[in-house]
Amino acid sequence: GRPRKTSTADDRIILSIIKKNRQTFVRQIRNTLQESGADLSMNIVRRRLDEQKYRDYTAKCKPLVSCKNRMARLQFTKKYLKEQPQCWKKVLWTGEMKINLYQSDGKSKVWR
């Protein structure tokens, strides 16, 4: 058959990159290997991961509010629920704007 485009050293580099960070994109792995002189396509990198039984799965989103934080928020709400309107005039209110602090809206992939 046709000779392989990757050496065993390249295959080990691919696996070490994935083991360090399971959310690494195939494009990042390919770029890392191209910097070291290997001319590979993204399909070859995917095939090498497939040979090692790595598949890309959609990562599960964990809840951003823990039970401890949820209880602290509830206590804060109960404490300031019946405050006078003068107290709330000191608070700076801003317009509503969507900000992603921890996660993007898109799905992220994880190699397992």
C-alpha atoms as a PDB file:
ATOM      1  CA  GLY A   1       0.000   0.000   0.000  1.00  0.00           C
ATOM      2  CA  ARG A   2       0.855   3.635   0.085  1.00  0.00           C
ATOM      3  CA  PRO A   3       3.452   4.758   2.669  1.00  0.00           C
ATOM      4  CA  ARG A   4       2.221   6.738   5.659  1.00  0.00           C
ATOM      5  CA  LYS A   5       2.647  10.526   5.657  1.00  0.00           C
ATOM      6  CA  THR A   6       3.245  10.577   9.421  1.00  0.00           C
ATOM      7  CA  SER A   7       6.081   8.987  11.296  1.00  0.00           C
ATOM      8  CA  THR A   8       5.688   7.313  14.669  1.00  0.00           C
ATOM      9  CA  ALA A   9       7.145  10.474  16.225  1.00  0.00           C
ATOM     10  CA  ASP A  10       4.420  12.562  14.545  1.00  0.00           C
ATOM     11  CA  ASP A  11       1.772  10.161  15.844  1.00  0.00           C
ATOM     12  CA  ARG A  12       3.163  10.517  19.379  1.00  0.00           C
ATOM     13  CA  ILE A  13       3.132  14.320  19.065  1.00  0.00           C
ATOM     14  CA  ILE A  14      -0.525  14.237  17.986  1.00  0.00           C
ATOM     15  CA  LEU A  15      -1.440  12.072  20.978  1.00  0.00           C
ATOM     16  CA  SER A  16       0.540  14.185  23.445  1.00  0.00           C
ATOM     17  CA  ILE A  17      -1.191  17.357  22.238  1.00  0.00           C
ATOM     18  CA  ILE A  18      -4.621  15.767  22.643  1.00  0.00           C
ATOM     19  CA  LYS A  19      -3.786  14.370  26.088  1.00  0.00           C
ATOM     20  CA  LYS A  20      -2.631  17.803  27.303  1.00  0.00           C
ATOM     21  CA  ASN A  21      -5.756  19.600  26.090  1.00  0.00           C
ATOM     22  CA  ARG A  22      -8.764  17.597  24.936  1.00  0.00           C
ATOM     23  CA  GLN A  23     -10.411  20.683  23.459  1.00  0.00           C
ATOM     24  CA  THR A  24      -7.636  21.232  20.914  1.00  0.00           C
ATOM     25  CA  PHE A  25      -8.794  21.751  17.347  1.00  0.00           C
ATOM     26  CA  VAL A  26      -7.459  19.550  14.568  1.00  0.00           C
ATOM     27  CA  ARG A  27      -6.270  22.715  12.806  1.00  0.00           C
ATOM     28  CA  GLN A  28      -4.110  23.610  15.839  1.00  0.00           C
ATOM     29  CA  ILE A  29      -2.525  20.155  15.818  1.00  0.00           C
ATOM     30  CA  ARG A  30      -1.837  20.402  12.092  1.00  0.00           C
ATOM     31  CA  ASN A  31      -0.252  23.858  12.516  1.00  0.00           C
ATOM     32  CA  THR A  32       1.972  22.563  15.329  1.00  0.00           C
ATOM     33  CA  LEU A  33       3.163  19.699  13.137  1.00  0.00           C
ATOM     34  CA  GLN A  34       3.712  22.012  10.169  1.00  0.00           C
ATOM     35  CA  GLU A  35       5.976  24.179  12.325  1.00  0.00           C
ATOM     36  CA  SER A  36       8.121  21.098  12.936  1.00  0.00           C
ATOM     37  CA  GLY A  37       8.289  20.378   9.202  1.00  0.00           C
ATOM     38  CA  ALA A  38       5.526  17.802   8.627  1.00  0.00           C
ATOM     39  CA  ASP A  39       3.191  18.656   5.737  1.00  0.00           C
ATOM     40  CA  LEU A  40      -0.121  17.113   6.806  1.00  0.00           C
ATOM     41  CA  SER A  41      -3.765  17.734   6.066  1.00  0.00           C
ATOM     42  CA  MET A  42      -6.443  17.936   8.730  1.00  0.00           C
ATOM     43  CA  ASN A  43      -7.934  14.674   7.433  1.00  0.00           C
ATOM     44  CA  ILE A  44      -4.681  12.849   8.150  1.00  0.00           C
ATOM     45  CA  VAL A  45      -4.634  14.199  11.712  1.00  0.00           C
ATOM     46  CA  ARG A  46      -8.266  13.086  12.157  1.00  0.00           C
ATOM     47  CA  ARG A  47      -7.398   9.629  10.842  1.00  0.00           C
ATOM     48  CA  ARG A  48      -4.474   9.299  13.262  1.00  0.00           C
ATOM     49  CA  LEU A  49      -6.771  10.224  16.158  1.00  0.00           C
ATOM     50  CA  ASP A  50      -9.358   7.770  14.878  1.00  0.00           C
ATOM     51  CA  GLU A  51      -6.738   5.011  14.806  1.00  0.00           C
ATOM     52  CA  GLN A  52      -6.071   5.656  18.489  1.00  0.00           C
ATOM     53  CA  LYS A  53      -9.834   5.470  19.234  1.00  0.00           C
ATOM     54  CA  TYR A  54     -10.205   9.218  19.883  1.00  0.00           C
ATOM     55  CA  ARG A  55     -13.558  10.640  18.810  1.00  0.00           C
ATOM     56  CA  ASP A  56     -14.807  14.203  19.053  1.00  0.00           C
ATOM     57  CA  TYR A  57     -17.843  14.604  21.273  1.00  0.00           C
ATOM     58  CA  THR A  58     -19.835  17.650  22.240  1.00  0.00           C
ATOM     59  CA  ALA A  59     -18.688  18.812  25.668  1.00  0.00           C
ATOM     60  CA  LYS A  60     -21.230  18.887  28.459  1.00  0.00           C
ATOM     61  CA  CYS A  61     -21.993  22.304  29.903  1.00  0.00           C
ATOM     62  CA  LYS A  62     -21.695  22.441  33.644  1.00  0.00           C
ATOM     63  CA  PRO A  63     -24.003  24.734  35.605  1.00  0.00           C
ATOM     64  CA  LEU A  64     -22.292  28.034  36.300  1.00  0.00           C
ATOM     65  CA  VAL A  65     -24.075  28.580  39.623  1.00  0.00           C
ATOM     66  CA  SER A  66     -23.039  26.163  42.359  1.00  0.00           C
ATOM     67  CA  CYS A  67     -25.317  25.222  45.247  1.00  0.00           C
ATOM     68  CA  LYS A  68     -23.242  27.368  47.622  1.00  0.00           C
ATOM     69  CA  ASN A  69     -23.488  30.366  45.295  1.00  0.00           C
ATOM     70  CA  ARG A  70     -27.220  29.804  44.807  1.00  0.00           C
ATOM     71  CA  MET A  71     -27.796  29.900  48.574  1.00  0.00           C
ATOM     72  CA  ALA A  72     -25.706  33.073  48.924  1.00  0.00           C
ATOM     73  CA  ARG A  73     -27.772  34.754  46.203  1.00  0.00           C
ATOM     74  CA  LEU A  74     -30.993  33.734  47.927  1.00  0.00           C
ATOM     75  CA  GLN A  75     -29.800  35.150  51.267  1.00  0.00           C
ATOM     76  CA  PHE A  76     -28.804  38.411  49.574  1.00  0.00           C
ATOM     77  CA  THR A  77     -32.233  38.674  47.936  1.00  0.00           C
ATOM     78  CA  LYS A  78     -34.068  38.038  51.199  1.00  0.00           C
ATOM     79  CA  LYS A  79     -31.868  40.569  53.014  1.00  0.00           C
ATOM     80  CA  TYR A  80     -32.447  43.419  50.558  1.00  0.00           C
ATOM     81  CA  LEU A  81     -35.995  42.551  49.454  1.00  0.00           C
ATOM     82  CA  LYS A  82     -37.707  45.141  51.643  1.00  0.00           C
ATOM     83  CA  GLU A  83     -35.175  47.955  51.360  1.00  0.00           C
ATOM     84  CA  GLN A  84     -36.392  51.510  50.966  1.00  0.00           C
ATOM     85  CA  PRO A  85     -36.296  53.064  47.463  1.00  0.00           C
ATOM     86  CA  GLN A  86     -33.672  55.578  48.667  1.00  0.00           C
ATOM     87  CA  CYS A  87     -31.229  52.699  49.175  1.00  0.00           C
ATOM     88  CA  TRP A  88     -31.616  51.552  45.583  1.00  0.00           C
ATOM     89  CA  LYS A  89     -31.059  55.072  44.201  1.00  0.00           C
ATOM     90  CA  LYS A  90     -27.369  54.688  45.121  1.00  0.00           C
ATOM     91  CA  VAL A  91     -27.030  51.627  42.877  1.00  0.00           C
ATOM     92  CA  LEU A  92     -25.734  52.152  39.359  1.00  0.00           C
ATOM     93  CA  TRP A  93     -28.107  50.459  36.920  1.00  0.00           C
ATOM     94  CA  THR A  94     -26.842  49.711  33.440  1.00  0.00           C
ATOM     95  CA  GLY A  95     -28.593  48.694  30.252  1.00  0.00           C
ATOM     96  CA  GLU A  96     -29.078  45.038  29.477  1.00  0.00           C
ATOM     97  CA  MET A  97     -26.256  43.554  27.476  1.00  0.00           C
ATOM     98  CA  LYS A  98     -25.353  39.947  26.796  1.00  0.00           C
ATOM     99  CA  ILE A  99     -21.861  39.007  27.987  1.00  0.00           C
ATOM    100  CA  ASN A 100     -20.399  35.506  27.912  1.00  0.00           C
ATOM    101  CA  LEU A 101     -18.043  35.189  30.855  1.00  0.00           C
ATOM    102  CA  TYR A 102     -17.338  31.468  30.839  1.00  0.00           C
ATOM    103  CA  GLN A 103     -18.721  29.798  27.751  1.00  0.00           C
ATOM    104  CA  SER A 104     -19.523  30.721  24.195  1.00  0.00           C
ATOM    105  CA  ASP A 105     -22.919  30.169  22.678  1.00  0.00           C
ATOM    106  CA  GLY A 106     -21.606  27.520  20.320  1.00  0.00           C
ATOM    107  CA  LYS A 107     -20.935  23.914  21.137  1.00  0.00           C
ATOM    108  CA  SER A 108     -17.390  22.950  21.997  1.00  0.00           C
ATOM    109  CA  LYS A 109     -15.877  19.602  21.071  1.00  0.00           C
ATOM    110  CA  VAL A 110     -13.839  17.309  23.298  1.00  0.00           C
ATOM    111  CA  TRP A 111     -11.637  14.410  22.162  1.00  0.00           C
ATOM    112  CA  ARG A 112     -12.205  11.215  24.132  1.00  0.00           C
END
